[in-house]
């Protein structure tokens, strides 16, 4: 995720990107939760999610690496902060230059070695 975003933006981007990975990689999801009274709750990711804070050049590099390595990825661009629904989000992303979108967030899914190479040098979000 791009360094310097407002807290609400960080949370929004994280939530949207997580749903993107969940939709693209359903095997990443664990089983439904159930409490002692038998109430069922939604499935969560079956593994931890690591969140990194990176500079714009590092985010762009990770994006290029993800494309080159064919990683499952979800993207969020700055223009999506000003939209109000899914169709507008897709239109905002489509309007971005393909090679250099104004990314503020990127989520990647395995293989681990390829993800590690794509995010090389990134620091965990504080």
N, C-alpha and C. Protein backbone atom coordinates (compact mmCIF):
# COMPACT_ATOMS: atom_id res chain seq x y z
N UNK A 1 0.85 -1.16 0.00
CA UNK A 1 0.00 0.00 0.00
C UNK A 1 0.90 1.24 0.00
N UNK A 2 0.47 2.24 -0.70
CA UNK A 2 1.24 3.47 -0.81
C UNK A 2 1.40 4.16 0.54
N UNK A 3 2.62 4.58 0.83
CA UNK A 3 2.87 5.33 2.07
C UNK A 3 2.13 6.65 2.03
N UNK A 4 1.75 7.15 3.18
CA UNK A 4 1.20 8.49 3.29
C UNK A 4 -0.30 8.62 3.08
N UNK A 5 -1.00 7.54 2.90
CA UNK A 5 -2.45 7.64 2.76
C UNK A 5 -3.08 7.94 4.12
N UNK A 6 -4.24 8.57 4.10
CA UNK A 6 -5.00 8.81 5.33
C UNK A 6 -5.47 7.46 5.88
N UNK A 7 -5.72 7.40 7.17
CA UNK A 7 -6.12 6.14 7.79
C UNK A 7 -7.35 5.55 7.12
N UNK A 8 -8.38 6.35 6.85
CA UNK A 8 -9.58 5.81 6.22
C UNK A 8 -9.26 5.24 4.84
N UNK A 9 -8.31 5.85 4.13
CA UNK A 9 -7.93 5.36 2.81
C UNK A 9 -7.21 4.01 2.93
N UNK A 10 -6.32 3.90 3.89
CA UNK A 10 -5.61 2.63 4.11
C UNK A 10 -6.58 1.50 4.41
N UNK A 11 -7.54 1.78 5.27
CA UNK A 11 -8.51 0.75 5.64
C UNK A 11 -9.40 0.38 4.45
N UNK A 12 -9.83 1.36 3.70
CA UNK A 12 -10.67 1.15 2.53
C UNK A 12 -9.94 0.32 1.48
N UNK A 13 -8.71 0.71 1.18
CA UNK A 13 -7.92 -0.01 0.18
C UNK A 13 -7.69 -1.45 0.63
N UNK A 14 -7.33 -1.64 1.89
CA UNK A 14 -7.09 -2.99 2.40
C UNK A 14 -8.33 -3.87 2.25
N UNK A 15 -9.48 -3.33 2.62
CA UNK A 15 -10.72 -4.11 2.53
C UNK A 15 -11.03 -4.47 1.08
N UNK A 16 -10.95 -3.51 0.17
CA UNK A 16 -11.25 -3.78 -1.23
C UNK A 16 -10.27 -4.79 -1.82
N UNK A 17 -8.98 -4.63 -1.54
CA UNK A 17 -8.00 -5.55 -2.09
C UNK A 17 -8.18 -6.96 -1.54
N UNK A 18 -8.52 -7.08 -0.27
CA UNK A 18 -8.75 -8.41 0.32
C UNK A 18 -9.91 -9.10 -0.38
N UNK A 19 -10.97 -8.37 -0.68
CA UNK A 19 -12.10 -9.00 -1.38
C UNK A 19 -11.70 -9.41 -2.79
N UNK A 20 -10.81 -8.64 -3.40
CA UNK A 20 -10.33 -8.99 -4.74
C UNK A 20 -9.60 -10.32 -4.75
N UNK A 21 -8.73 -10.52 -3.77
CA UNK A 21 -7.99 -11.77 -3.68
C UNK A 21 -8.94 -12.92 -3.33
N UNK A 22 -9.87 -12.67 -2.41
CA UNK A 22 -10.83 -13.71 -2.03
C UNK A 22 -11.65 -14.16 -3.24
N UNK A 23 -12.04 -13.21 -4.08
CA UNK A 23 -12.82 -13.56 -5.26
C UNK A 23 -12.00 -14.29 -6.31
N UNK A 24 -10.74 -13.91 -6.46
CA UNK A 24 -9.89 -14.51 -7.48
C UNK A 24 -9.27 -15.83 -7.03
N UNK A 25 -9.15 -16.02 -5.73
CA UNK A 25 -8.50 -17.23 -5.20
C UNK A 25 -9.35 -17.82 -4.08
N UNK A 26 -10.50 -18.41 -4.42
CA UNK A 26 -11.40 -18.92 -3.38
C UNK A 26 -10.76 -19.96 -2.46
N UNK A 27 -9.72 -20.64 -2.93
CA UNK A 27 -9.05 -21.63 -2.08
C UNK A 27 -8.28 -20.95 -0.95
N UNK A 28 -8.11 -19.64 -1.02
CA UNK A 28 -7.45 -18.91 0.06
C UNK A 28 -8.35 -18.79 1.29
N UNK A 29 -9.62 -19.06 1.09
CA UNK A 29 -10.59 -18.91 2.17
C UNK A 29 -10.64 -20.15 3.05
N UNK A 30 -10.75 -19.92 4.35
CA UNK A 30 -10.92 -21.01 5.30
C UNK A 30 -12.38 -21.45 5.33
N UNK A 31 -12.69 -22.27 6.28
CA UNK A 31 -14.05 -22.77 6.45
C UNK A 31 -14.87 -21.77 7.27
N UNK A 32 -16.22 -21.84 7.18
CA UNK A 32 -17.07 -20.95 7.98
C UNK A 32 -16.81 -21.14 9.48
N UNK A 33 -17.04 -20.11 10.23
CA UNK A 33 -16.89 -20.14 11.69
C UNK A 33 -18.24 -20.48 12.30
N UNK A 34 -18.19 -21.12 13.46
CA UNK A 34 -19.40 -21.45 14.19
C UNK A 34 -19.12 -21.28 15.68
N UNK A 35 -20.04 -20.61 16.38
CA UNK A 35 -19.84 -20.44 17.83
C UNK A 35 -20.45 -21.62 18.60
N UNK A 36 -20.29 -21.60 19.91
CA UNK A 36 -20.74 -22.71 20.76
C UNK A 36 -22.25 -22.91 20.71
N UNK A 37 -23.00 -21.88 20.30
CA UNK A 37 -24.46 -22.01 20.19
C UNK A 37 -24.90 -22.44 18.79
N UNK A 38 -23.96 -22.67 17.90
CA UNK A 38 -24.30 -23.12 16.56
C UNK A 38 -24.55 -22.00 15.56
N UNK A 39 -24.33 -20.74 15.94
CA UNK A 39 -24.47 -19.63 15.00
C UNK A 39 -23.30 -19.68 14.01
N UNK A 40 -23.64 -19.57 12.74
CA UNK A 40 -22.59 -19.62 11.70
C UNK A 40 -22.18 -18.22 11.28
N UNK A 41 -20.90 -18.11 10.97
CA UNK A 41 -20.32 -16.83 10.55
C UNK A 41 -19.50 -17.04 9.28
N UNK A 42 -19.27 -15.98 8.58
CA UNK A 42 -18.59 -16.03 7.28
C UNK A 42 -17.16 -16.58 7.39
N UNK A 43 -16.73 -17.10 6.27
CA UNK A 43 -15.35 -17.59 6.16
C UNK A 43 -14.39 -16.40 6.13
N UNK A 44 -13.19 -16.63 6.61
CA UNK A 44 -12.10 -15.65 6.56
C UNK A 44 -10.94 -16.27 5.78
N UNK A 45 -9.96 -15.46 5.45
CA UNK A 45 -8.77 -16.03 4.84
C UNK A 45 -8.20 -17.10 5.74
N UNK A 46 -7.69 -18.16 5.16
CA UNK A 46 -7.12 -19.26 5.93
C UNK A 46 -5.69 -19.02 6.36
N UNK A 47 -5.08 -17.94 5.87
CA UNK A 47 -3.70 -17.63 6.20
C UNK A 47 -3.60 -16.14 6.51
N UNK A 48 -2.55 -15.74 7.23
CA UNK A 48 -2.39 -14.32 7.52
C UNK A 48 -2.20 -13.49 6.25
N UNK A 49 -2.56 -12.24 6.34
CA UNK A 49 -2.37 -11.29 5.26
C UNK A 49 -1.31 -10.30 5.72
N UNK A 50 -0.28 -10.13 4.93
CA UNK A 50 0.80 -9.21 5.27
C UNK A 50 0.55 -7.89 4.54
N UNK A 51 0.65 -6.77 5.25
CA UNK A 51 0.40 -5.46 4.65
C UNK A 51 1.69 -4.65 4.74
N UNK A 52 2.12 -4.13 3.61
CA UNK A 52 3.36 -3.38 3.51
C UNK A 52 3.07 -1.94 3.13
N UNK A 53 3.93 -1.04 3.58
CA UNK A 53 3.87 0.36 3.19
C UNK A 53 5.05 0.61 2.25
N UNK A 54 4.77 1.13 1.07
CA UNK A 54 5.83 1.31 0.07
C UNK A 54 5.71 2.67 -0.61
N UNK A 55 6.79 3.07 -1.25
CA UNK A 55 6.81 4.30 -2.04
C UNK A 55 6.12 4.03 -3.38
N UNK A 56 5.78 5.09 -4.08
CA UNK A 56 5.14 4.95 -5.38
C UNK A 56 6.01 4.16 -6.36
N UNK A 57 7.34 4.44 -6.44
CA UNK A 57 8.17 3.64 -7.36
C UNK A 57 8.20 2.15 -7.00
N UNK A 58 8.24 1.84 -5.69
CA UNK A 58 8.25 0.44 -5.27
C UNK A 58 6.92 -0.24 -5.58
N UNK A 59 5.83 0.49 -5.44
CA UNK A 59 4.51 -0.06 -5.76
C UNK A 59 4.41 -0.34 -7.26
N UNK A 60 4.91 0.58 -8.07
CA UNK A 60 4.90 0.39 -9.52
C UNK A 60 5.76 -0.81 -9.91
N UNK A 61 6.91 -0.97 -9.27
CA UNK A 61 7.79 -2.10 -9.55
C UNK A 61 7.09 -3.42 -9.19
N UNK A 62 6.45 -3.46 -8.04
CA UNK A 62 5.74 -4.67 -7.61
C UNK A 62 4.62 -5.00 -8.61
N UNK A 63 3.94 -3.98 -9.09
CA UNK A 63 2.88 -4.18 -10.09
C UNK A 63 3.44 -4.79 -11.36
N UNK A 64 4.55 -4.25 -11.84
CA UNK A 64 5.18 -4.80 -13.05
C UNK A 64 5.61 -6.25 -12.83
N UNK A 65 6.22 -6.51 -11.67
CA UNK A 65 6.66 -7.87 -11.35
C UNK A 65 5.47 -8.83 -11.30
N UNK A 66 4.37 -8.39 -10.72
CA UNK A 66 3.19 -9.24 -10.63
C UNK A 66 2.68 -9.62 -12.02
N UNK A 67 2.67 -8.65 -12.93
CA UNK A 67 2.23 -8.92 -14.30
C UNK A 67 3.21 -9.88 -14.98
N UNK A 68 4.51 -9.61 -14.84
CA UNK A 68 5.51 -10.46 -15.48
C UNK A 68 5.48 -11.88 -14.95
N UNK A 69 5.19 -12.06 -13.67
CA UNK A 69 5.20 -13.38 -13.05
C UNK A 69 3.82 -14.05 -13.07
N UNK A 70 2.82 -13.35 -13.59
CA UNK A 70 1.48 -13.92 -13.69
C UNK A 70 0.83 -14.18 -12.34
N UNK A 71 1.13 -13.32 -11.36
CA UNK A 71 0.56 -13.49 -10.03
C UNK A 71 -0.90 -13.07 -10.01
N UNK A 72 -1.69 -13.71 -9.16
CA UNK A 72 -3.04 -13.23 -8.91
C UNK A 72 -2.88 -11.89 -8.22
N UNK A 73 -3.52 -10.86 -8.74
CA UNK A 73 -3.38 -9.54 -8.12
C UNK A 73 -4.70 -8.78 -8.16
N UNK A 74 -4.81 -7.88 -7.20
CA UNK A 74 -5.93 -6.95 -7.13
C UNK A 74 -5.32 -5.55 -7.06
N UNK A 75 -5.96 -4.58 -7.66
CA UNK A 75 -5.39 -3.23 -7.73
C UNK A 75 -6.39 -2.18 -7.25
N UNK A 76 -5.85 -1.08 -6.76
CA UNK A 76 -6.67 0.06 -6.35
C UNK A 76 -5.90 1.30 -6.78
N UNK A 77 -6.55 2.17 -7.56
CA UNK A 77 -5.92 3.41 -8.02
C UNK A 77 -6.54 4.61 -7.31
N UNK A 78 -5.79 5.69 -7.27
CA UNK A 78 -6.21 6.90 -6.55
C UNK A 78 -7.58 7.40 -6.98
N UNK A 79 -7.88 7.33 -8.26
CA UNK A 79 -9.16 7.83 -8.77
C UNK A 79 -10.35 7.10 -8.17
N UNK A 80 -10.15 5.90 -7.67
CA UNK A 80 -11.25 5.13 -7.10
C UNK A 80 -11.73 5.70 -5.76
N UNK A 81 -10.94 6.56 -5.13
CA UNK A 81 -11.38 7.21 -3.90
C UNK A 81 -12.56 8.15 -4.15
N UNK A 82 -12.71 8.62 -5.38
CA UNK A 82 -13.76 9.59 -5.67
C UNK A 82 -14.97 8.97 -6.36
N UNK A 83 -15.02 7.66 -6.45
CA UNK A 83 -16.16 6.99 -7.07
C UNK A 83 -17.11 6.50 -5.99
N UNK A 84 -18.26 6.07 -6.41
CA UNK A 84 -19.24 5.65 -5.42
C UNK A 84 -19.79 4.25 -5.60
N UNK A 85 -19.33 3.53 -6.64
CA UNK A 85 -19.86 2.19 -6.87
C UNK A 85 -18.91 1.41 -7.77
N UNK A 86 -19.17 0.12 -7.88
CA UNK A 86 -18.28 -0.80 -8.58
C UNK A 86 -18.08 -0.45 -10.04
N UNK A 87 -19.15 -0.12 -10.76
CA UNK A 87 -18.99 0.23 -12.18
C UNK A 87 -18.08 1.44 -12.34
N UNK A 88 -18.24 2.44 -11.47
CA UNK A 88 -17.39 3.63 -11.54
C UNK A 88 -15.95 3.29 -11.21
N UNK A 89 -15.73 2.36 -10.28
CA UNK A 89 -14.36 1.93 -9.96
C UNK A 89 -13.69 1.30 -11.17
N UNK A 90 -14.41 0.42 -11.86
CA UNK A 90 -13.83 -0.22 -13.03
C UNK A 90 -13.56 0.79 -14.14
N UNK A 91 -14.44 1.76 -14.30
CA UNK A 91 -14.23 2.80 -15.31
C UNK A 91 -13.00 3.65 -14.96
N UNK A 92 -12.85 3.95 -13.67
CA UNK A 92 -11.69 4.74 -13.23
C UNK A 92 -10.41 3.96 -13.50
N UNK A 93 -10.42 2.67 -13.23
CA UNK A 93 -9.22 1.87 -13.47
C UNK A 93 -8.93 1.76 -14.97
N UNK A 94 -9.96 1.55 -15.76
CA UNK A 94 -9.79 1.44 -17.21
C UNK A 94 -9.20 2.71 -17.80
N UNK A 95 -9.51 3.87 -17.23
CA UNK A 95 -9.01 5.15 -17.72
C UNK A 95 -7.53 5.37 -17.41
N UNK A 96 -6.97 4.56 -16.53
CA UNK A 96 -5.55 4.70 -16.16
C UNK A 96 -4.65 4.20 -17.28
N UNK A 97 -3.45 4.79 -17.42
CA UNK A 97 -2.50 4.24 -18.39
C UNK A 97 -2.09 2.83 -17.96
N UNK A 98 -2.20 1.85 -18.85
CA UNK A 98 -1.98 0.45 -18.50
C UNK A 98 -0.61 0.20 -17.88
N UNK A 99 0.42 0.81 -18.40
CA UNK A 99 1.77 0.55 -17.91
C UNK A 99 2.12 1.27 -16.62
N UNK A 100 1.41 2.36 -16.33
CA UNK A 100 1.76 3.18 -15.16
C UNK A 100 0.51 3.74 -14.48
N UNK A 101 -0.37 2.87 -13.98
CA UNK A 101 -1.55 3.39 -13.28
C UNK A 101 -1.13 4.10 -11.99
N UNK A 102 -1.96 5.02 -11.53
CA UNK A 102 -1.69 5.75 -10.28
C UNK A 102 -2.12 4.88 -9.10
N UNK A 103 -1.35 3.83 -8.86
CA UNK A 103 -1.68 2.85 -7.83
C UNK A 103 -1.53 3.43 -6.43
N UNK A 104 -2.46 3.05 -5.57
CA UNK A 104 -2.31 3.32 -4.14
C UNK A 104 -2.31 2.01 -3.36
N UNK A 105 -2.71 0.92 -4.02
CA UNK A 105 -2.71 -0.37 -3.37
C UNK A 105 -2.67 -1.51 -4.36
N UNK A 106 -2.02 -2.58 -3.92
CA UNK A 106 -1.86 -3.78 -4.74
C UNK A 106 -1.86 -4.97 -3.80
N UNK A 107 -2.64 -5.98 -4.12
CA UNK A 107 -2.64 -7.23 -3.35
C UNK A 107 -2.15 -8.34 -4.27
N UNK A 108 -1.30 -9.19 -3.73
CA UNK A 108 -0.72 -10.29 -4.51
C UNK A 108 -0.97 -11.62 -3.81
N UNK A 109 -1.09 -12.65 -4.59
CA UNK A 109 -1.31 -14.00 -4.05
C UNK A 109 -0.27 -14.94 -4.63
N UNK A 110 0.31 -15.72 -3.87
CA UNK A 110 1.28 -16.80 -4.11
C UNK A 110 1.58 -17.11 -5.56
N UNK A 111 2.63 -17.86 -5.85
CA UNK A 111 3.56 -18.54 -4.98
C UNK A 111 4.43 -17.57 -4.18
N UNK A 112 4.75 -17.97 -2.97
CA UNK A 112 5.44 -17.09 -2.03
C UNK A 112 6.74 -16.52 -2.60
N UNK A 113 7.54 -17.35 -3.24
CA UNK A 113 8.83 -16.86 -3.76
C UNK A 113 8.62 -15.77 -4.79
N UNK A 114 7.58 -15.89 -5.61
CA UNK A 114 7.31 -14.87 -6.63
C UNK A 114 6.78 -13.59 -5.99
N UNK A 115 5.93 -13.73 -4.98
CA UNK A 115 5.45 -12.55 -4.27
C UNK A 115 6.62 -11.86 -3.57
N UNK A 116 7.47 -12.63 -2.92
CA UNK A 116 8.64 -12.06 -2.23
C UNK A 116 9.52 -11.27 -3.19
N UNK A 117 9.72 -11.80 -4.39
CA UNK A 117 10.53 -11.10 -5.39
C UNK A 117 9.84 -9.81 -5.84
N UNK A 118 8.53 -9.86 -5.98
CA UNK A 118 7.78 -8.68 -6.43
C UNK A 118 7.82 -7.56 -5.41
N UNK A 119 7.82 -7.91 -4.13
CA UNK A 119 7.78 -6.87 -3.08
C UNK A 119 9.14 -6.67 -2.41
N UNK A 120 10.19 -7.15 -3.03
CA UNK A 120 11.53 -7.07 -2.47
C UNK A 120 11.83 -5.66 -1.97
N UNK A 121 12.27 -5.57 -0.72
CA UNK A 121 12.62 -4.28 -0.13
C UNK A 121 11.49 -3.59 0.58
N UNK A 122 10.26 -4.10 0.43
CA UNK A 122 9.10 -3.46 1.10
C UNK A 122 9.16 -3.74 2.59
N UNK A 123 8.67 -2.79 3.38
CA UNK A 123 8.64 -2.90 4.83
C UNK A 123 7.21 -3.14 5.28
N UNK A 124 7.04 -3.99 6.30
CA UNK A 124 5.72 -4.19 6.86
C UNK A 124 5.12 -2.86 7.31
N UNK A 125 3.83 -2.70 7.10
CA UNK A 125 3.15 -1.48 7.53
C UNK A 125 3.27 -1.35 9.06
N UNK A 126 3.62 -0.15 9.53
CA UNK A 126 3.79 0.01 10.99
C UNK A 126 2.46 -0.07 11.74
